[in-house]
C-alpha cells in the first residue's frame, strides 16, 4: 500500500492556495489569520496593526526606519 499524501517539506505551503478563501494577508510577509508569524524571543503571535500589516512586519519597518528601536521590548526599557 502506498501513501497518497506527499511528505511535508519546509518550502511547501501548509495549505493549497485559496484554501481559506478570501482572507486578509499582510502586505509585507503574506501571513494571515490561519498562518501567523511567531516571535522567536517571546513566542507571541503577530496581530493586525493596520488592515493589511501585521505587528511583526510593522516592528521590522520601525527598526529599519530607526535602528535604535531594533529589538526593543517592554522588558528591555529601563
PDB file of N, CA and C in Angstrom:
ATOM      1  N   UNK A   1       0.851  -1.168   0.000  1.00  0.00           N
ATOM      2  CA  UNK A   1       0.000   0.000   0.000  1.00  0.00           C
ATOM      3  C   UNK A   1       0.898   1.233   0.000  1.00  0.00           C
ATOM      4  N   UNK A   2       0.533   2.240  -0.790  1.00  0.00           N
ATOM      5  CA  UNK A   2       1.310   3.470  -0.839  1.00  0.00           C
ATOM      6  C   UNK A   2       0.510   4.603  -0.237  1.00  0.00           C
ATOM      7  N   UNK A   3       1.225   5.552   0.315  1.00  0.00           N
ATOM      8  CA  UNK A   3       0.594   6.723   0.909  1.00  0.00           C
ATOM      9  C   UNK A   3       0.335   7.736  -0.199  1.00  0.00           C
ATOM     10  N   UNK A   4      -0.884   8.225  -0.306  1.00  0.00           N
ATOM     11  CA  UNK A   4      -1.225   9.166  -1.371  1.00  0.00           C
ATOM     12  C   UNK A   4      -0.864  10.604  -1.021  1.00  0.00           C
ATOM     13  N   UNK A   5      -0.458  10.838   0.230  1.00  0.00           N
ATOM     14  CA  UNK A   5      -0.098  12.195   0.650  1.00  0.00           C
ATOM     15  C   UNK A   5       1.392  12.413   0.458  1.00  0.00           C
ATOM     16  N   UNK A   6       1.735  13.553  -0.120  1.00  0.00           N
ATOM     17  CA  UNK A   6       3.144  13.903  -0.280  1.00  0.00           C
ATOM     18  C   UNK A   6       3.710  14.283   1.086  1.00  0.00           C
ATOM     19  N   UNK A   7       4.958  13.983   1.336  1.00  0.00           N
ATOM     20  CA  UNK A   7       5.549  14.365   2.628  1.00  0.00           C
ATOM     21  C   UNK A   7       5.656  15.877   2.736  1.00  0.00           C
ATOM     22  N   UNK A   8       5.545  16.385   3.955  1.00  0.00           N
ATOM     23  CA  UNK A   8       5.668  17.821   4.188  1.00  0.00           C
ATOM     24  C   UNK A   8       7.103  18.246   3.945  1.00  0.00           C
ATOM     25  N   UNK A   9       7.279  19.346   3.259  1.00  0.00           N
ATOM     26  CA  UNK A   9       8.602  19.937   3.090  1.00  0.00           C
ATOM     27  C   UNK A   9       8.525  21.392   3.520  1.00  0.00           C
ATOM     28  N   UNK A  10       9.626  21.921   4.021  1.00  0.00           N
ATOM     29  CA  UNK A  10       9.644  23.286   4.549  1.00  0.00           C
ATOM     30  C   UNK A  10       9.301  24.320   3.487  1.00  0.00           C
ATOM     31  N   UNK A  11       9.605  24.039   2.222  1.00  0.00           N
ATOM     32  CA  UNK A  11       9.330  25.029   1.186  1.00  0.00           C
ATOM     33  C   UNK A  11       7.926  24.908   0.601  1.00  0.00           C
ATOM     34  N   UNK A  12       7.179  23.909   1.014  1.00  0.00           N
ATOM     35  CA  UNK A  12       5.805  23.744   0.521  1.00  0.00           C
ATOM     36  C   UNK A  12       4.855  24.526   1.417  1.00  0.00           C
ATOM     37  N   UNK A  13       3.878  25.230   0.855  1.00  0.00           N
ATOM     38  CA  UNK A  13       2.918  25.934   1.707  1.00  0.00           C
ATOM     39  C   UNK A  13       2.097  24.923   2.490  1.00  0.00           C
ATOM     40  N   UNK A  14       1.707  25.255   3.723  1.00  0.00           N
ATOM     41  CA  UNK A  14       0.963  24.303   4.536  1.00  0.00           C
ATOM     42  C   UNK A  14      -0.446  24.032   4.015  1.00  0.00           C
ATOM     43  N   UNK A  15      -0.971  24.931   3.207  1.00  0.00           N
ATOM     44  CA  UNK A  15      -2.313  24.759   2.658  1.00  0.00           C
ATOM     45  C   UNK A  15      -2.278  25.103   1.175  1.00  0.00           C
ATOM     46  N   UNK A  16      -3.150  24.519   0.399  1.00  0.00           N
ATOM     47  CA  UNK A  16      -3.196  24.889  -1.014  1.00  0.00           C
ATOM     48  C   UNK A  16      -3.640  26.338  -1.173  1.00  0.00           C
ATOM     49  N   UNK A  17      -3.238  26.996  -2.254  1.00  0.00           N
ATOM     50  CA  UNK A  17      -3.667  28.378  -2.473  1.00  0.00           C
ATOM     51  C   UNK A  17      -5.182  28.506  -2.413  1.00  0.00           C
ATOM     52  N   UNK A  18      -5.647  29.584  -1.811  1.00  0.00           N
ATOM     53  CA  UNK A  18      -7.077  29.887  -1.674  1.00  0.00           C
ATOM     54  C   UNK A  18      -7.843  28.858  -0.858  1.00  0.00           C
ATOM     55  N   UNK A  19      -7.159  28.068  -0.037  1.00  0.00           N
ATOM     56  CA  UNK A  19      -7.819  27.079   0.816  1.00  0.00           C
ATOM     57  C   UNK A  19      -8.815  27.752   1.756  1.00  0.00           C
ATOM     58  N   UNK A  20      -8.441  28.930   2.265  1.00  0.00           N
ATOM     59  CA  UNK A  20      -9.290  29.642   3.204  1.00  0.00           C
ATOM     60  C   UNK A  20     -10.170  30.682   2.535  1.00  0.00           C
ATOM     61  N   UNK A  21     -10.163  30.731   1.221  1.00  0.00           N
ATOM     62  CA  UNK A  21     -10.967  31.715   0.521  1.00  0.00           C
ATOM     63  C   UNK A  21     -10.306  33.071   0.534  1.00  0.00           C
ATOM     64  N   UNK A  22     -11.093  34.099   0.566  1.00  0.00           N
ATOM     65  CA  UNK A  22     -10.588  35.464   0.518  1.00  0.00           C
ATOM     66  C   UNK A  22     -10.240  35.917   1.932  1.00  0.00           C
ATOM     67  N   UNK A  23      -8.968  35.818   2.306  1.00  0.00           N
ATOM     68  CA  UNK A  23      -8.524  36.246   3.624  1.00  0.00           C
ATOM     69  C   UNK A  23      -7.582  37.433   3.478  1.00  0.00           C
ATOM     70  N   UNK A  24      -7.547  38.259   4.504  1.00  0.00           N
ATOM     71  CA  UNK A  24      -6.618  39.379   4.523  1.00  0.00           C
ATOM     72  C   UNK A  24      -5.226  38.848   4.797  1.00  0.00           C
ATOM     73  N   UNK A  25      -4.275  39.289   4.005  1.00  0.00           N
ATOM     74  CA  UNK A  25      -2.880  38.890   4.173  1.00  0.00           C
ATOM     75  C   UNK A  25      -2.036  40.123   4.443  1.00  0.00           C
ATOM     76  N   UNK A  26      -0.964  39.928   5.190  1.00  0.00           N
ATOM     77  CA  UNK A  26      -0.021  41.017   5.449  1.00  0.00           C
ATOM     78  C   UNK A  26       0.645  41.408   4.141  1.00  0.00           C
ATOM     79  N   UNK A  27       0.703  42.701   3.883  1.00  0.00           N
ATOM     80  CA  UNK A  27       1.290  43.180   2.635  1.00  0.00           C
ATOM     81  C   UNK A  27       2.793  42.956   2.584  1.00  0.00           C
ATOM     82  N   UNK A  28       3.434  42.748   3.722  1.00  0.00           N
ATOM     83  CA  UNK A  28       4.886  42.568   3.749  1.00  0.00           C
ATOM     84  C   UNK A  28       5.300  41.096   3.725  1.00  0.00           C
ATOM     85  N   UNK A  29       4.679  40.261   4.555  1.00  0.00           N
ATOM     86  CA  UNK A  29       5.133  38.865   4.662  1.00  0.00           C
ATOM     87  C   UNK A  29       4.122  37.845   4.159  1.00  0.00           C
ATOM     88  N   UNK A  30       2.866  38.240   3.994  1.00  0.00           N
ATOM     89  CA  UNK A  30       1.853  37.323   3.486  1.00  0.00           C
ATOM     90  C   UNK A  30       1.159  36.490   4.544  1.00  0.00           C
ATOM     91  N   UNK A  31       1.476  36.709   5.832  1.00  0.00           N
ATOM     92  CA  UNK A  31       0.793  35.922   6.864  1.00  0.00           C
ATOM     93  C   UNK A  31      -0.694  36.278   6.867  1.00  0.00           C
ATOM     94  N   UNK A  32      -1.498  35.418   7.486  1.00  0.00           N
ATOM     95  CA  UNK A  32      -2.937  35.665   7.613  1.00  0.00           C
ATOM     96  C   UNK A  32      -3.412  35.035   8.906  1.00  0.00           C
ATOM     97  N   UNK A  33      -4.689  35.134   9.193  1.00  0.00           N
ATOM     98  CA  UNK A  33      -5.221  34.671  10.471  1.00  0.00           C
ATOM     99  C   UNK A  33      -4.995  33.181  10.731  1.00  0.00           C
ATOM    100  N   UNK A  34      -4.799  32.404   9.700  1.00  0.00           N
ATOM    101  CA  UNK A  34      -4.616  30.966   9.858  1.00  0.00           C
ATOM    102  C   UNK A  34      -3.160  30.529   9.734  1.00  0.00           C
ATOM    103  N   UNK A  35      -2.267  31.464   9.491  1.00  0.00           N
ATOM    104  CA  UNK A  35      -0.838  31.181   9.341  1.00  0.00           C
ATOM    105  C   UNK A  35      -0.092  32.432   9.786  1.00  0.00           C
ATOM    106  N   UNK A  36       0.139  32.546  11.096  1.00  0.00           N
ATOM    107  CA  UNK A  36       0.666  33.773  11.683  1.00  0.00           C
ATOM    108  C   UNK A  36       2.180  33.728  11.870  1.00  0.00           C
ATOM    109  N   UNK A  37       2.765  34.889  12.092  1.00  0.00           N
ATOM    110  CA  UNK A  37       4.181  34.990  12.449  1.00  0.00           C
ATOM    111  C   UNK A  37       4.301  34.721  13.945  1.00  0.00           C
ATOM    112  N   UNK A  38       5.398  34.103  14.359  1.00  0.00           N
ATOM    113  CA  UNK A  38       5.651  33.859  15.777  1.00  0.00           C
ATOM    114  C   UNK A  38       6.996  34.471  16.134  1.00  0.00           C
ATOM    115  N   UNK A  39       7.000  35.332  17.154  1.00  0.00           N
ATOM    116  CA  UNK A  39       8.237  35.954  17.629  1.00  0.00           C
ATOM    117  C   UNK A  39       9.075  34.891  18.324  1.00  0.00           C
ATOM    118  N   UNK A  40      10.280  34.657  17.835  1.00  0.00           N
ATOM    119  CA  UNK A  40      11.132  33.609  18.397  1.00  0.00           C
ATOM    120  C   UNK A  40      11.560  33.913  19.831  1.00  0.00           C
ATOM    121  N   UNK A  41      11.676  35.191  20.172  1.00  0.00           N
ATOM    122  CA  UNK A  41      12.113  35.567  21.515  1.00  0.00           C
ATOM    123  C   UNK A  41      11.003  35.394  22.548  1.00  0.00           C
ATOM    124  N   UNK A  42       9.799  35.838  22.214  1.00  0.00           N
ATOM    125  CA  UNK A  42       8.700  35.835  23.180  1.00  0.00           C
ATOM    126  C   UNK A  42       7.710  34.698  22.979  1.00  0.00           C
ATOM    127  N   UNK A  43       7.668  34.132  21.779  1.00  0.00           N
ATOM    128  CA  UNK A  43       6.679  33.100  21.469  1.00  0.00           C
ATOM    129  C   UNK A  43       5.305  33.666  21.157  1.00  0.00           C
ATOM    130  N   UNK A  44       5.188  35.000  21.123  1.00  0.00           N
ATOM    131  CA  UNK A  44       3.901  35.625  20.835  1.00  0.00           C
ATOM    132  C   UNK A  44       3.633  35.622  19.338  1.00  0.00           C
ATOM    133  N   UNK A  45       2.367  35.512  18.992  1.00  0.00           N
ATOM    134  CA  UNK A  45       1.973  35.575  17.585  1.00  0.00           C
ATOM    135  C   UNK A  45       1.707  37.021  17.206  1.00  0.00           C
ATOM    136  N   UNK A  46       1.753  37.296  15.911  1.00  0.00           N
ATOM    137  CA  UNK A  46       1.511  38.658  15.440  1.00  0.00           C
ATOM    138  C   UNK A  46       0.028  38.993  15.506  1.00  0.00           C
ATOM    139  N   UNK A  47      -0.249  40.273  15.369  1.00  0.00           N
ATOM    140  CA  UNK A  47      -1.629  40.768  15.330  1.00  0.00           C
ATOM    141  C   UNK A  47      -1.679  41.883  14.296  1.00  0.00           C
ATOM    142  N   UNK A  48      -2.877  42.302  13.945  1.00  0.00           N
ATOM    143  CA  UNK A  48      -3.038  43.330  12.921  1.00  0.00           C
ATOM    144  C   UNK A  48      -2.840  44.704  13.532  1.00  0.00           C
ATOM    145  N   UNK A  49      -1.925  45.488  12.961  1.00  0.00           N
ATOM    146  CA  UNK A  49      -1.739  46.876  13.384  1.00  0.00           C
ATOM    147  C   UNK A  49      -2.338  47.829  12.356  1.00  0.00           C
ATOM    148  N   UNK A  50      -2.492  47.355  11.148  1.00  0.00           N
ATOM    149  CA  UNK A  50      -3.220  48.049  10.090  1.00  0.00           C
ATOM    150  C   UNK A  50      -4.035  46.987   9.372  1.00  0.00           C
ATOM    151  N   UNK A  51      -4.910  47.401   8.499  1.00  0.00           N
ATOM    152  CA  UNK A  51      -5.785  46.452   7.814  1.00  0.00           C
ATOM    153  C   UNK A  51      -5.003  45.347   7.107  1.00  0.00           C
ATOM    154  N   UNK A  52      -3.822  45.683   6.593  1.00  0.00           N
ATOM    155  CA  UNK A  52      -3.043  44.688   5.857  1.00  0.00           C
ATOM    156  C   UNK A  52      -1.569  44.673   6.278  1.00  0.00           C
ATOM    157  N   UNK A  53      -1.303  44.911   7.580  1.00  0.00           N
ATOM    158  CA  UNK A  53       0.066  44.898   8.097  1.00  0.00           C
ATOM    159  C   UNK A  53       0.084  44.257   9.475  1.00  0.00           C
ATOM    160  N   UNK A  54       0.901  43.201   9.617  1.00  0.00           N
ATOM    161  CA  UNK A  54       0.978  42.516  10.909  1.00  0.00           C
ATOM    162  C   UNK A  54       1.988  43.206  11.816  1.00  0.00           C
ATOM    163  N   UNK A  55       1.882  42.938  13.113  1.00  0.00           N
ATOM    164  CA  UNK A  55       2.749  43.574  14.097  1.00  0.00           C
ATOM    165  C   UNK A  55       4.217  43.221  13.898  1.00  0.00           C
ATOM    166  N   UNK A  56       4.514  42.009  13.467  1.00  0.00           N
ATOM    167  CA  UNK A  56       5.906  41.606  13.253  1.00  0.00           C
ATOM    168  C   UNK A  56       6.544  42.440  12.145  1.00  0.00           C
ATOM    169  N   UNK A  57       5.839  42.643  11.078  1.00  0.00           N
ATOM    170  CA  UNK A  57       6.373  43.432   9.962  1.00  0.00           C
ATOM    171  C   UNK A  57       6.416  44.908  10.312  1.00  0.00           C
ATOM    172  N   UNK A  58       5.425  45.385  11.065  1.00  0.00           N
ATOM    173  CA  UNK A  58       5.433  46.785  11.491  1.00  0.00           C
ATOM    174  C   UNK A  58       6.646  47.060  12.369  1.00  0.00           C
ATOM    175  N   UNK A  59       6.978  46.125  13.252  1.00  0.00           N
ATOM    176  CA  UNK A  59       8.153  46.292  14.113  1.00  0.00           C
ATOM    177  C   UNK A  59       9.426  46.305  13.270  1.00  0.00           C
ATOM    178  N   UNK A  60       9.481  45.442  12.267  1.00  0.00           N
ATOM    179  CA  UNK A  60      10.643  45.423  11.380  1.00  0.00           C
ATOM    180  C   UNK A  60      10.789  46.711  10.599  1.00  0.00           C
ATOM    181  N   UNK A  61       9.663  47.263  10.155  1.00  0.00           N
ATOM    182  CA  UNK A  61       9.701  48.528   9.420  1.00  0.00           C
ATOM    183  C   UNK A  61      10.138  49.666  10.338  1.00  0.00           C
ATOM    184  N   UNK A  62       9.671  49.655  11.590  1.00  0.00           N
ATOM    185  CA  UNK A  62      10.070  50.684  12.548  1.00  0.00           C
ATOM    186  C   UNK A  62      11.563  50.582  12.836  1.00  0.00           C
ATOM    187  N   UNK A  63      12.071  49.368  12.964  1.00  0.00           N
ATOM    188  CA  UNK A  63      13.501  49.171  13.219  1.00  0.00           C
ATOM    189  C   UNK A  63      14.338  49.621  12.029  1.00  0.00           C
ATOM    190  N   UNK A  64      13.831  49.404  10.821  1.00  0.00           N
ATOM    191  CA  UNK A  64      14.558  49.843   9.631  1.00  0.00           C
ATOM    192  C   UNK A  64      14.595  51.368   9.554  1.00  0.00           C
ATOM    193  N   UNK A  65      13.510  51.994   9.982  1.00  0.00           N
ATOM    194  CA  UNK A  65      13.441  53.457   9.954  1.00  0.00           C
ATOM    195  C   UNK A  65      14.291  54.075  11.060  1.00  0.00           C
ATOM    196  N   UNK A  66      14.359  53.395  12.228  1.00  0.00           N
ATOM    197  CA  UNK A  66      15.134  53.885  13.373  1.00  0.00           C
ATOM    198  C   UNK A  66      15.853  52.708  14.013  1.00  0.00           C
ATOM    199  N   UNK A  67      17.092  52.441  13.608  1.00  0.00           N
ATOM    200  CA  UNK A  67      17.826  51.273  14.122  1.00  0.00           C
ATOM    201  C   UNK A  67      17.918  51.212  15.642  1.00  0.00           C
ATOM    202  N   UNK A  68      17.789  52.337  16.335  1.00  0.00           N
ATOM    203  CA  UNK A  68      17.823  52.332  17.796  1.00  0.00           C
ATOM    204  C   UNK A  68      16.638  51.562  18.371  1.00  0.00           C
ATOM    205  N   UNK A  69      15.566  51.397  17.581  1.00  0.00           N
ATOM    206  CA  UNK A  69      14.370  50.685  18.043  1.00  0.00           C
ATOM    207  C   UNK A  69      14.433  49.187  17.761  1.00  0.00           C
ATOM    208  N   UNK A  70      15.423  48.725  17.059  1.00  0.00           N
ATOM    209  CA  UNK A  70      15.525  47.318  16.681  1.00  0.00           C
ATOM    210  C   UNK A  70      15.605  46.439  17.925  1.00  0.00           C
ATOM    211  N   UNK A  71      14.695  45.490  18.020  1.00  0.00           N
ATOM    212  CA  UNK A  71      14.716  44.516  19.113  1.00  0.00           C
ATOM    213  C   UNK A  71      14.253  45.051  20.454  1.00  0.00           C
ATOM    214  N   UNK A  72      13.728  46.272  20.514  1.00  0.00           N
ATOM    215  CA  UNK A  72      13.298  46.834  21.779  1.00  0.00           C
ATOM    216  C   UNK A  72      11.991  46.196  22.216  1.00  0.00           C
ATOM    217  N   UNK A  73      11.989  45.642  23.408  1.00  0.00           N
ATOM    218  CA  UNK A  73      10.803  45.043  24.013  1.00  0.00           C
ATOM    219  C   UNK A  73      10.534  45.775  25.330  1.00  0.00           C
ATOM    220  N   UNK A  74       9.341  45.692  25.827  1.00  0.00           N
ATOM    221  CA  UNK A  74       8.979  46.401  27.054  1.00  0.00           C
ATOM    222  C   UNK A  74       9.927  46.045  28.198  1.00  0.00           C
ATOM    223  N   UNK A  75      10.319  44.785  28.307  1.00  0.00           N
ATOM    224  CA  UNK A  75      11.196  44.380  29.407  1.00  0.00           C
ATOM    225  C   UNK A  75      12.621  44.923  29.250  1.00  0.00           C
ATOM    226  N   UNK A  76      12.965  45.414  28.051  1.00  0.00           N
ATOM    227  CA  UNK A  76      14.295  45.968  27.810  1.00  0.00           C
ATOM    228  C   UNK A  76      14.400  47.423  28.293  1.00  0.00           C
ATOM    229  N   UNK A  77      13.275  48.105  28.400  1.00  0.00           N
ATOM    230  CA  UNK A  77      13.279  49.516  28.785  1.00  0.00           C
ATOM    231  C   UNK A  77      13.627  49.636  30.266  1.00  0.00           C
ATOM    232  N   UNK A  78      14.412  50.624  30.572  1.00  0.00           N
ATOM    233  CA  UNK A  78      14.784  50.835  31.980  1.00  0.00           C
ATOM    234  C   UNK A  78      14.295  52.168  32.462  1.00  0.00           C
TER     235      UNK A  78
END
